[in-house]
């Protein structure tokens, strides 16, 4: 069933809770998988973590580069990380705000697929970034906790039509109101530690 995405400020307490590891992939997990796919069709995102749709289970759905269909991963765990890249992050639970975060360049991940079969894979670049973002959600960490400077961020607004009359989008610097809002809910990760 399609679920609504939980966002700040209304669901801040739930979004900050650590999720529970699943013992077996059974009926409750199959229902969550269905909910993930039904919700996936209604949003523009690279991933959705279980807490974002109100589930305390340790799971997420994501779609990386070159993947034809999104996949669900239960009990994801990063067992190795290497390097560091700083690039832009955004989140359905903090809509409309984008800001650079520091994340590992490469991660190796273990977990279970939607059928309960074990997986172990390496990811680099943008795919590694997506996975780290989703696993952060499972630890109660939001991307705003990993930013160095709120003023590096931006929001988007519709700009004037281009020469062909097509609508355009403009980046807008962070307003004092948005800076205050983000600051109120931000829980900085010590330094820029790449921890899971």
N, C-alpha and C. Protein backbone atom coordinates (compact mmCIF):
# COMPACT_ATOMS: atom_id res chain seq x y z
N UNK A 1 0.84 -1.18 0.00
CA UNK A 1 0.00 0.00 0.00
C UNK A 1 0.89 1.25 0.00
N UNK A 2 0.51 2.24 -0.77
CA UNK A 2 1.25 3.49 -0.82
C UNK A 2 1.24 4.14 0.56
N UNK A 3 2.41 4.57 1.00
CA UNK A 3 2.56 5.24 2.30
C UNK A 3 2.99 6.69 2.07
N UNK A 4 2.66 7.54 3.01
CA UNK A 4 3.14 8.92 2.89
C UNK A 4 4.54 8.99 3.47
N UNK A 5 5.32 9.92 2.94
CA UNK A 5 6.69 10.12 3.42
C UNK A 5 6.66 10.98 4.69
N UNK A 6 7.30 10.49 5.73
CA UNK A 6 7.37 11.23 6.99
C UNK A 6 8.48 12.28 6.88
N UNK A 7 8.14 13.51 7.30
CA UNK A 7 9.05 14.64 7.13
C UNK A 7 9.20 15.43 8.43
N UNK A 8 10.28 16.22 8.45
CA UNK A 8 10.43 17.22 9.51
C UNK A 8 9.42 18.33 9.25
N UNK A 9 8.86 18.96 10.26
CA UNK A 9 9.15 18.75 11.67
C UNK A 9 8.24 17.72 12.34
N UNK A 10 7.17 17.29 11.67
CA UNK A 10 6.13 16.49 12.33
C UNK A 10 6.62 15.16 12.89
N UNK A 11 7.49 14.48 12.18
CA UNK A 11 7.91 13.13 12.59
C UNK A 11 9.36 13.08 13.04
N UNK A 12 9.85 14.16 13.59
CA UNK A 12 11.28 14.22 13.92
C UNK A 12 11.69 13.15 14.94
N UNK A 13 10.85 12.87 15.93
CA UNK A 13 11.22 11.87 16.95
C UNK A 13 11.35 10.48 16.35
N UNK A 14 10.40 10.10 15.47
CA UNK A 14 10.47 8.77 14.87
C UNK A 14 11.65 8.67 13.90
N UNK A 15 11.87 9.71 13.11
CA UNK A 15 12.98 9.70 12.14
C UNK A 15 14.33 9.61 12.84
N UNK A 16 14.40 9.94 14.11
CA UNK A 16 15.65 9.90 14.86
C UNK A 16 15.88 8.58 15.60
N UNK A 17 14.95 7.64 15.50
CA UNK A 17 15.12 6.36 16.19
C UNK A 17 15.92 5.39 15.34
N UNK A 18 16.69 4.53 16.02
CA UNK A 18 17.40 3.45 15.31
C UNK A 18 16.40 2.35 14.98
N UNK A 19 16.58 1.73 13.83
CA UNK A 19 15.67 0.68 13.39
C UNK A 19 16.07 -0.67 13.98
N UNK A 20 15.14 -1.64 13.87
CA UNK A 20 15.36 -2.98 14.40
C UNK A 20 15.77 -3.94 13.28
N UNK A 21 16.78 -4.71 13.54
CA UNK A 21 17.21 -5.75 12.60
C UNK A 21 16.11 -6.80 12.49
N UNK A 22 15.86 -7.32 11.28
CA UNK A 22 14.85 -8.36 11.12
C UNK A 22 15.52 -9.72 11.25
N UNK A 23 14.81 -10.67 11.87
CA UNK A 23 15.37 -12.01 12.06
C UNK A 23 15.17 -12.86 10.82
N UNK A 24 13.98 -12.81 10.27
CA UNK A 24 13.66 -13.56 9.06
C UNK A 24 12.88 -12.65 8.13
N UNK A 25 12.99 -12.91 6.85
CA UNK A 25 12.18 -12.17 5.89
C UNK A 25 10.90 -12.97 5.68
N UNK A 26 9.84 -12.55 6.38
CA UNK A 26 8.55 -13.24 6.31
C UNK A 26 7.45 -12.30 5.89
N UNK A 27 6.24 -12.54 6.41
CA UNK A 27 5.07 -11.76 6.01
C UNK A 27 5.18 -10.27 6.31
N UNK A 28 5.63 -9.87 7.52
CA UNK A 28 5.73 -8.42 7.77
C UNK A 28 6.71 -7.74 6.81
N UNK A 29 7.80 -8.44 6.50
CA UNK A 29 8.79 -7.88 5.59
C UNK A 29 8.26 -7.84 4.16
N UNK A 30 7.45 -8.85 3.79
CA UNK A 30 6.83 -8.85 2.46
C UNK A 30 5.87 -7.67 2.34
N UNK A 31 5.15 -7.36 3.42
CA UNK A 31 4.24 -6.21 3.40
C UNK A 31 5.03 -4.91 3.25
N UNK A 32 6.15 -4.80 3.97
CA UNK A 32 6.98 -3.61 3.85
C UNK A 32 7.52 -3.49 2.43
N UNK A 33 7.94 -4.60 1.84
CA UNK A 33 8.43 -4.59 0.46
C UNK A 33 7.35 -4.07 -0.49
N UNK A 34 6.12 -4.55 -0.32
CA UNK A 34 5.01 -4.06 -1.15
C UNK A 34 4.80 -2.56 -0.94
N UNK A 35 4.84 -2.13 0.32
CA UNK A 35 4.68 -0.71 0.63
C UNK A 35 5.78 0.12 -0.02
N UNK A 36 7.01 -0.39 0.03
CA UNK A 36 8.13 0.31 -0.61
C UNK A 36 7.86 0.53 -2.10
N UNK A 37 7.50 -0.55 -2.79
CA UNK A 37 7.29 -0.45 -4.24
C UNK A 37 6.09 0.43 -4.59
N UNK A 38 5.02 0.31 -3.80
CA UNK A 38 3.84 1.16 -4.06
C UNK A 38 4.16 2.63 -3.84
N UNK A 39 4.97 2.92 -2.83
CA UNK A 39 5.34 4.31 -2.53
C UNK A 39 6.36 4.82 -3.53
N UNK A 40 7.28 3.96 -3.95
CA UNK A 40 8.33 4.32 -4.91
C UNK A 40 7.75 4.99 -6.16
N UNK A 41 6.62 4.45 -6.62
CA UNK A 41 6.00 4.96 -7.85
C UNK A 41 5.49 6.39 -7.71
N UNK A 42 5.37 6.89 -6.49
CA UNK A 42 4.74 8.20 -6.27
C UNK A 42 5.73 9.31 -5.93
N UNK A 43 7.03 8.99 -5.83
CA UNK A 43 8.02 9.99 -5.45
C UNK A 43 9.18 9.99 -6.45
N UNK A 44 9.91 11.07 -6.47
CA UNK A 44 11.13 11.15 -7.28
C UNK A 44 12.30 11.07 -6.29
N UNK A 45 12.91 9.90 -6.19
CA UNK A 45 13.98 9.70 -5.22
C UNK A 45 14.89 8.57 -5.68
N UNK A 46 16.08 8.52 -5.08
CA UNK A 46 17.00 7.42 -5.33
C UNK A 46 16.85 6.33 -4.28
N UNK A 47 16.18 6.67 -3.17
CA UNK A 47 15.99 5.69 -2.13
C UNK A 47 14.94 6.14 -1.13
N UNK A 48 14.36 5.16 -0.44
CA UNK A 48 13.41 5.42 0.65
C UNK A 48 13.76 4.43 1.76
N UNK A 49 13.98 4.93 2.95
CA UNK A 49 14.27 4.08 4.10
C UNK A 49 12.98 3.79 4.87
N UNK A 50 12.95 2.65 5.54
CA UNK A 50 11.75 2.24 6.27
C UNK A 50 11.21 3.31 7.22
N UNK A 51 12.07 4.02 8.00
CA UNK A 51 11.52 5.03 8.90
C UNK A 51 10.76 6.14 8.16
N UNK A 52 11.12 6.38 6.91
CA UNK A 52 10.46 7.46 6.16
C UNK A 52 9.02 7.12 5.81
N UNK A 53 8.66 5.84 5.93
CA UNK A 53 7.27 5.46 5.71
C UNK A 53 6.66 4.83 6.96
N UNK A 54 7.27 5.14 8.10
CA UNK A 54 6.67 4.75 9.38
C UNK A 54 6.98 3.36 9.88
N UNK A 55 7.99 2.69 9.32
CA UNK A 55 8.34 1.35 9.78
C UNK A 55 9.63 1.37 10.59
N UNK A 56 9.67 0.60 11.69
CA UNK A 56 10.90 0.54 12.49
C UNK A 56 11.87 -0.54 12.02
N UNK A 57 11.58 -1.19 10.88
CA UNK A 57 12.45 -2.26 10.39
C UNK A 57 13.70 -1.70 9.73
N UNK A 58 14.76 -2.48 9.79
CA UNK A 58 16.05 -2.10 9.19
C UNK A 58 16.03 -2.50 7.71
N UNK A 59 15.55 -1.58 6.88
CA UNK A 59 15.41 -1.88 5.45
C UNK A 59 15.26 -0.59 4.65
N UNK A 60 15.58 -0.68 3.37
CA UNK A 60 15.34 0.43 2.46
C UNK A 60 15.14 -0.09 1.05
N UNK A 61 14.60 0.75 0.19
CA UNK A 61 14.50 0.49 -1.24
C UNK A 61 15.37 1.53 -1.93
N UNK A 62 16.03 1.14 -3.00
CA UNK A 62 16.89 2.07 -3.71
C UNK A 62 17.03 1.65 -5.16
N UNK A 63 17.49 2.60 -5.97
CA UNK A 63 17.77 2.31 -7.37
C UNK A 63 19.03 3.05 -7.75
N UNK A 64 20.08 2.29 -8.06
CA UNK A 64 21.36 2.87 -8.42
C UNK A 64 21.53 3.01 -9.92
N UNK A 65 22.69 3.52 -10.29
CA UNK A 65 23.00 3.71 -11.70
C UNK A 65 23.02 2.37 -12.43
N UNK A 66 22.37 2.32 -13.57
CA UNK A 66 22.36 1.10 -14.38
C UNK A 66 21.35 0.06 -13.94
N UNK A 67 20.63 0.28 -12.85
CA UNK A 67 19.63 -0.69 -12.38
C UNK A 67 18.31 -0.43 -13.11
N UNK A 68 17.70 -1.48 -13.62
CA UNK A 68 16.42 -1.32 -14.31
C UNK A 68 15.28 -1.15 -13.33
N UNK A 69 15.34 -1.83 -12.21
CA UNK A 69 14.29 -1.78 -11.20
C UNK A 69 14.91 -1.49 -9.84
N UNK A 70 14.15 -0.85 -8.95
CA UNK A 70 14.66 -0.66 -7.58
C UNK A 70 14.71 -2.00 -6.85
N UNK A 71 15.50 -2.06 -5.79
CA UNK A 71 15.57 -3.28 -4.99
C UNK A 71 15.46 -2.93 -3.51
N UNK A 72 14.98 -3.88 -2.75
CA UNK A 72 14.85 -3.74 -1.29
C UNK A 72 15.98 -4.52 -0.63
N UNK A 73 16.60 -3.91 0.36
CA UNK A 73 17.66 -4.57 1.13
C UNK A 73 17.28 -4.51 2.61
N UNK A 74 17.30 -5.67 3.26
CA UNK A 74 17.06 -5.78 4.70
C UNK A 74 18.41 -5.95 5.41
N UNK A 75 18.47 -5.43 6.63
CA UNK A 75 19.65 -5.55 7.49
C UNK A 75 20.94 -5.11 6.80
N UNK A 76 20.93 -4.00 6.09
CA UNK A 76 22.16 -3.57 5.43
C UNK A 76 23.22 -3.18 6.46
N UNK A 77 24.46 -3.54 6.14
CA UNK A 77 25.57 -3.17 7.03
C UNK A 77 26.78 -2.87 6.16
N UNK A 78 27.39 -1.73 6.40
CA UNK A 78 28.62 -1.39 5.72
C UNK A 78 29.76 -2.03 6.48
N UNK A 79 30.47 -2.92 5.79
CA UNK A 79 31.56 -3.65 6.45
C UNK A 79 32.93 -3.08 6.10
N UNK A 80 32.96 -2.24 5.05
CA UNK A 80 34.22 -1.61 4.67
C UNK A 80 33.91 -0.32 3.94
N UNK A 81 34.73 0.70 4.16
CA UNK A 81 34.57 1.98 3.47
C UNK A 81 35.95 2.53 3.15
N UNK A 82 36.04 3.25 2.02
CA UNK A 82 37.32 3.80 1.62
C UNK A 82 37.12 5.16 0.96
N UNK A 83 38.07 6.05 1.17
CA UNK A 83 38.05 7.35 0.50
C UNK A 83 37.01 8.29 1.05
N UNK A 84 36.94 9.46 0.44
CA UNK A 84 35.96 10.46 0.86
C UNK A 84 35.62 11.36 -0.32
N UNK A 85 34.34 11.62 -0.51
CA UNK A 85 33.86 12.54 -1.53
C UNK A 85 32.88 13.51 -0.88
N UNK A 86 32.95 14.76 -1.28
CA UNK A 86 31.98 15.75 -0.81
C UNK A 86 31.12 16.12 -2.01
N UNK A 87 29.81 15.91 -1.89
CA UNK A 87 28.89 16.19 -2.98
C UNK A 87 27.52 16.51 -2.37
N UNK A 88 26.59 16.92 -3.24
CA UNK A 88 25.28 17.36 -2.76
C UNK A 88 24.39 16.19 -2.36
N UNK A 89 23.61 16.44 -1.31
CA UNK A 89 22.64 15.49 -0.76
C UNK A 89 21.29 16.21 -0.70
N UNK A 90 20.23 15.45 -0.77
CA UNK A 90 18.88 15.94 -0.55
C UNK A 90 18.07 14.82 0.07
N UNK A 91 16.87 15.09 0.55
CA UNK A 91 16.11 14.07 1.25
C UNK A 91 14.62 14.36 1.20
N UNK A 92 13.83 13.31 0.99
CA UNK A 92 12.38 13.46 0.99
C UNK A 92 11.86 13.92 2.36
N UNK A 93 12.59 13.61 3.42
CA UNK A 93 12.15 13.99 4.76
C UNK A 93 12.56 15.42 5.14
N UNK A 94 13.41 16.03 4.33
CA UNK A 94 13.80 17.43 4.50
C UNK A 94 13.61 18.07 3.12
N UNK A 95 12.37 18.17 2.65
CA UNK A 95 12.13 18.51 1.25
C UNK A 95 12.60 19.91 0.86
N UNK A 96 13.16 19.97 -0.35
CA UNK A 96 13.50 21.26 -0.93
C UNK A 96 14.84 21.84 -0.53
N UNK A 97 15.62 21.15 0.31
CA UNK A 97 16.92 21.65 0.75
C UNK A 97 18.01 20.71 0.27
N UNK A 98 19.06 21.26 -0.31
CA UNK A 98 20.17 20.48 -0.83
C UNK A 98 21.46 21.08 -0.31
N UNK A 99 22.40 20.21 0.11
CA UNK A 99 23.65 20.71 0.69
C UNK A 99 24.72 19.62 0.58
N UNK A 100 25.99 20.00 0.42
CA UNK A 100 27.05 18.99 0.34
C UNK A 100 27.25 18.26 1.66
N UNK A 101 27.57 16.97 1.54
CA UNK A 101 27.94 16.14 2.69
C UNK A 101 29.20 15.37 2.32
N UNK A 102 29.91 14.94 3.34
CA UNK A 102 31.10 14.09 3.12
C UNK A 102 30.68 12.64 3.31
N UNK A 103 31.00 11.84 2.32
CA UNK A 103 30.68 10.42 2.40
C UNK A 103 31.83 9.60 1.82
N UNK A 104 31.86 8.32 2.18
CA UNK A 104 32.90 7.45 1.66
C UNK A 104 32.75 7.29 0.14
N UNK A 105 33.88 7.18 -0.53
CA UNK A 105 33.89 7.02 -1.99
C UNK A 105 33.49 5.60 -2.40
N UNK A 106 33.86 4.63 -1.57
CA UNK A 106 33.54 3.22 -1.84
C UNK A 106 33.04 2.58 -0.55
N UNK A 107 32.01 1.75 -0.68
CA UNK A 107 31.54 0.97 0.46
C UNK A 107 31.33 -0.48 0.04
N UNK A 108 31.52 -1.37 1.00
CA UNK A 108 31.16 -2.77 0.81
C UNK A 108 30.04 -3.06 1.78
N UNK A 109 28.98 -3.66 1.29
CA UNK A 109 27.74 -3.80 2.05
C UNK A 109 27.31 -5.26 2.09
N UNK A 110 26.78 -5.67 3.24
CA UNK A 110 26.13 -6.97 3.35
C UNK A 110 24.68 -6.74 3.75
N UNK A 111 23.85 -7.74 3.57
CA UNK A 111 22.44 -7.65 3.93
C UNK A 111 21.67 -8.82 3.36
N UNK A 112 20.35 -8.66 3.31
CA UNK A 112 19.46 -9.66 2.74
C UNK A 112 18.63 -9.01 1.66
N UNK A 113 18.39 -9.74 0.57
CA UNK A 113 17.48 -9.20 -0.45
C UNK A 113 16.04 -9.45 -0.03
N UNK A 114 15.10 -9.06 -0.87
CA UNK A 114 13.67 -9.18 -0.52
C UNK A 114 13.23 -10.63 -0.35
N UNK A 115 14.00 -11.57 -0.87
CA UNK A 115 13.67 -13.00 -0.71
C UNK A 115 14.38 -13.61 0.50
N UNK A 116 15.13 -12.80 1.24
CA UNK A 116 15.82 -13.28 2.43
C UNK A 116 17.17 -13.90 2.14
N UNK A 117 17.66 -13.75 0.90
CA UNK A 117 18.96 -14.32 0.53
C UNK A 117 20.08 -13.34 0.86
N UNK A 118 21.21 -13.85 1.38
CA UNK A 118 22.31 -12.95 1.74
C UNK A 118 22.95 -12.31 0.50
N UNK A 119 23.35 -11.06 0.66
CA UNK A 119 24.08 -10.37 -0.40
C UNK A 119 25.34 -9.74 0.20
N UNK A 120 26.34 -9.57 -0.65
CA UNK A 120 27.57 -8.87 -0.28
C UNK A 120 28.09 -8.22 -1.55
N UNK A 121 28.16 -6.88 -1.54
CA UNK A 121 28.52 -6.15 -2.76
C UNK A 121 29.35 -4.93 -2.44
N UNK A 122 30.10 -4.47 -3.47
CA UNK A 122 30.86 -3.22 -3.38
C UNK A 122 30.20 -2.19 -4.28
N UNK A 123 30.19 -0.93 -3.82
CA UNK A 123 29.63 0.16 -4.59
C UNK A 123 30.58 1.35 -4.52
N UNK A 124 30.60 2.14 -5.58
CA UNK A 124 31.45 3.32 -5.62
C UNK A 124 30.65 4.54 -6.07
N UNK A 125 31.22 5.71 -5.84
CA UNK A 125 30.66 6.95 -6.35
C UNK A 125 29.25 7.23 -5.88
N UNK A 126 28.38 7.57 -6.85
CA UNK A 126 27.02 7.98 -6.52
C UNK A 126 26.22 6.86 -5.86
N UNK A 127 26.41 5.62 -6.32
CA UNK A 127 25.69 4.50 -5.69
C UNK A 127 26.10 4.35 -4.23
N UNK A 128 27.39 4.49 -3.94
CA UNK A 128 27.86 4.42 -2.54
C UNK A 128 27.23 5.53 -1.72
N UNK A 129 27.09 6.71 -2.31
CA UNK A 129 26.48 7.86 -1.63
C UNK A 129 25.03 7.55 -1.27
N UNK A 130 24.27 7.01 -2.22
CA UNK A 130 22.86 6.68 -1.97
C UNK A 130 22.75 5.70 -0.81
N UNK A 131 23.54 4.64 -0.85
CA UNK A 131 23.46 3.61 0.18
C UNK A 131 23.80 4.16 1.56
N UNK A 132 24.82 5.01 1.64
CA UNK A 132 25.19 5.60 2.93
C UNK A 132 24.07 6.49 3.46
N UNK A 133 23.43 7.23 2.56
CA UNK A 133 22.31 8.09 2.96
C UNK A 133 21.19 7.25 3.56
N UNK A 134 20.84 6.14 2.89
CA UNK A 134 19.74 5.29 3.38
C UNK A 134 20.11 4.59 4.68
N UNK A 135 21.32 4.11 4.79
CA UNK A 135 21.75 3.45 6.04
C UNK A 135 21.77 4.46 7.18
N UNK A 136 22.16 5.70 6.90
CA UNK A 136 22.07 6.74 7.93
C UNK A 136 20.65 6.83 8.48
N UNK A 137 19.65 6.81 7.60
CA UNK A 137 18.26 6.87 8.07
C UNK A 137 17.98 5.75 9.07
N UNK A 138 18.54 4.58 8.84
CA UNK A 138 18.28 3.44 9.72
C UNK A 138 18.95 3.60 11.08
N UNK A 139 19.88 4.55 11.17
CA UNK A 139 20.55 4.85 12.44
C UNK A 139 19.99 6.11 13.09
N UNK A 140 18.95 6.70 12.48
CA UNK A 140 18.38 7.93 13.03
C UNK A 140 19.18 9.17 12.65
N UNK A 141 20.02 9.06 11.62
CA UNK A 141 20.85 10.18 11.17
C UNK A 141 20.26 10.74 9.88
N UNK A 142 20.13 12.05 9.80
CA UNK A 142 19.66 12.71 8.58
C UNK A 142 20.84 13.39 7.90
N UNK A 143 20.72 13.64 6.61
CA UNK A 143 21.85 14.23 5.88
C UNK A 143 22.24 15.60 6.44
N UNK A 144 21.30 16.30 7.05
CA UNK A 144 21.62 17.61 7.62
C UNK A 144 22.62 17.50 8.77
N UNK A 145 22.75 16.29 9.35
CA UNK A 145 23.71 16.07 10.43
C UNK A 145 25.14 16.00 9.89
N UNK A 146 25.29 15.78 8.61
CA UNK A 146 26.60 15.58 8.00
C UNK A 146 27.10 16.80 7.22
N UNK A 147 26.35 17.89 7.22
CA UNK A 147 26.80 19.06 6.47
C UNK A 147 27.81 19.87 7.27
N UNK A 148 28.75 20.49 6.56
CA UNK A 148 29.76 21.32 7.21
C UNK A 148 29.25 22.73 7.45
N UNK A 149 28.48 23.26 6.49
CA UNK A 149 28.06 24.65 6.56
C UNK A 149 26.71 24.78 5.86
N UNK A 150 25.69 25.16 6.61
CA UNK A 150 24.34 25.30 6.05
C UNK A 150 24.33 26.27 4.88
N UNK A 151 25.20 27.27 4.91
CA UNK A 151 25.22 28.27 3.84
C UNK A 151 25.74 27.72 2.51
N UNK A 152 26.30 26.52 2.51
CA UNK A 152 26.68 25.87 1.25
C UNK A 152 25.46 25.29 0.54
N UNK A 153 24.35 25.25 1.23
CA UNK A 153 23.14 24.65 0.68
C UNK A 153 22.33 25.62 -0.15
N UNK A 154 21.24 25.09 -0.71
CA UNK A 154 20.34 25.92 -1.51
C UNK A 154 18.96 25.26 -1.57
N UNK A 155 17.99 26.06 -2.00
CA UNK A 155 16.67 25.54 -2.31
C UNK A 155 16.42 25.83 -3.80
N UNK A 156 15.34 25.32 -4.33
CA UNK A 156 15.01 25.53 -5.74
C UNK A 156 13.71 26.32 -5.86
N UNK A 157 13.64 27.16 -6.87
CA UNK A 157 12.38 27.83 -7.17
C UNK A 157 12.26 27.96 -8.69
N UNK A 158 11.02 28.10 -9.14
CA UNK A 158 10.79 28.24 -10.57
C UNK A 158 11.31 29.59 -11.03
N UNK A 159 12.07 29.54 -12.15
CA UNK A 159 12.64 30.76 -12.71
C UNK A 159 11.85 31.23 -13.92
N UNK A 160 12.34 32.27 -14.58
CA UNK A 160 11.65 32.78 -15.77
C UNK A 160 11.75 31.77 -16.92
N UNK A 161 10.80 31.79 -17.84
CA UNK A 161 10.86 30.87 -18.99
C UNK A 161 12.12 31.14 -19.82
N UNK A 162 12.63 30.07 -20.43
CA UNK A 162 13.78 30.24 -21.31
C UNK A 162 13.33 30.75 -22.68
N UNK A 163 14.25 30.78 -23.64
CA UNK A 163 13.95 31.32 -24.97
C UNK A 163 12.82 30.57 -25.67
N UNK A 164 12.68 29.27 -25.36
CA UNK A 164 11.64 28.45 -25.98
C UNK A 164 10.34 28.46 -25.18
N UNK A 165 10.29 29.26 -24.12
CA UNK A 165 9.09 29.32 -23.31
C UNK A 165 9.00 28.21 -22.27
N UNK A 166 10.05 27.38 -22.17
CA UNK A 166 10.08 26.29 -21.18
C UNK A 166 10.40 26.86 -19.81
N UNK A 167 9.80 26.26 -18.78
CA UNK A 167 10.07 26.74 -17.42
C UNK A 167 11.50 26.37 -17.02
N UNK A 168 12.07 27.16 -16.16
CA UNK A 168 13.42 26.92 -15.67
C UNK A 168 13.38 26.84 -14.14
N UNK A 169 14.46 26.32 -13.59
CA UNK A 169 14.58 26.20 -12.14
C UNK A 169 15.84 26.92 -11.71
N UNK A 170 15.74 27.67 -10.62
CA UNK A 170 16.87 28.43 -10.12
C UNK A 170 17.25 27.96 -8.72
N UNK A 171 18.56 28.00 -8.43
CA UNK A 171 19.03 27.74 -7.08
C UNK A 171 18.95 29.03 -6.28
N UNK A 172 18.41 28.92 -5.07
CA UNK A 172 18.24 30.09 -4.21
C UNK A 172 19.06 29.87 -2.93
N UNK A 173 19.86 30.85 -2.52
CA UNK A 173 20.63 30.71 -1.28
C UNK A 173 19.71 30.45 -0.08
N UNK A 174 20.28 29.87 0.95
CA UNK A 174 19.54 29.54 2.18
C UNK A 174 19.08 30.83 2.86
N UNK A 175 17.79 30.88 3.16
CA UNK A 175 17.23 32.04 3.86
C UNK A 175 17.50 31.91 5.36
N UNK A 176 17.44 33.03 6.09
CA UNK A 176 17.61 32.95 7.55
C UNK A 176 16.57 32.03 8.20
N UNK A 177 15.34 32.01 7.66
CA UNK A 177 14.29 31.15 8.22
C UNK A 177 14.64 29.67 8.03
N UNK A 178 15.12 29.33 6.83
CA UNK A 178 15.50 27.94 6.58
C UNK A 178 16.71 27.56 7.42
N UNK A 179 17.67 28.44 7.53
CA UNK A 179 18.85 28.17 8.35
C UNK A 179 18.44 27.88 9.79
N UNK A 180 17.48 28.66 10.30
CA UNK A 180 16.99 28.45 11.67
C UNK A 180 16.28 27.10 11.79
N UNK A 181 15.46 26.76 10.78
CA UNK A 181 14.73 25.50 10.78
C UNK A 181 15.70 24.32 10.77
N UNK A 182 16.67 24.34 9.85
CA UNK A 182 17.65 23.25 9.77
C UNK A 182 18.44 23.17 11.06
N UNK A 183 18.86 24.31 11.57
CA UNK A 183 19.63 24.34 12.81
C UNK A 183 18.89 23.75 13.99
N UNK A 184 17.58 23.92 14.00
CA UNK A 184 16.76 23.39 15.10
C UNK A 184 16.72 21.87 15.11
N UNK A 185 16.79 21.24 13.94
CA UNK A 185 16.65 19.78 13.86
C UNK A 185 17.97 19.06 13.60
N UNK A 186 19.00 19.80 13.38
CA UNK A 186 20.30 19.21 13.06
C UNK A 186 20.96 18.64 14.30
N UNK A 187 21.57 17.45 14.17
CA UNK A 187 22.35 16.83 15.24
C UNK A 187 23.70 16.47 14.63
N UNK A 188 24.63 17.40 14.62
CA UNK A 188 25.89 17.17 13.90
C UNK A 188 26.60 15.90 14.32
N UNK A 189 27.05 15.15 13.31
CA UNK A 189 27.90 13.99 13.55
C UNK A 189 29.27 14.55 13.90
N UNK A 190 29.93 14.04 14.93
CA UNK A 190 31.24 14.59 15.33
C UNK A 190 32.19 14.65 14.14
N UNK A 191 32.76 15.84 13.91
CA UNK A 191 33.64 16.02 12.77
C UNK A 191 32.86 15.69 11.51
N UNK A 192 33.46 14.94 10.64
CA UNK A 192 32.72 14.42 9.50
C UNK A 192 32.91 12.92 9.43
N UNK A 193 32.87 12.30 10.62
CA UNK A 193 33.14 10.87 10.74
C UNK A 193 32.24 10.06 9.83
N UNK A 194 32.85 9.13 9.12
CA UNK A 194 32.09 8.22 8.27
C UNK A 194 31.82 6.96 9.10
N UNK A 195 30.78 7.05 9.94
CA UNK A 195 30.49 5.96 10.87
C UNK A 195 29.15 5.34 10.55
N UNK A 196 29.03 4.04 10.85
CA UNK A 196 27.75 3.35 10.66
C UNK A 196 27.51 2.47 11.85
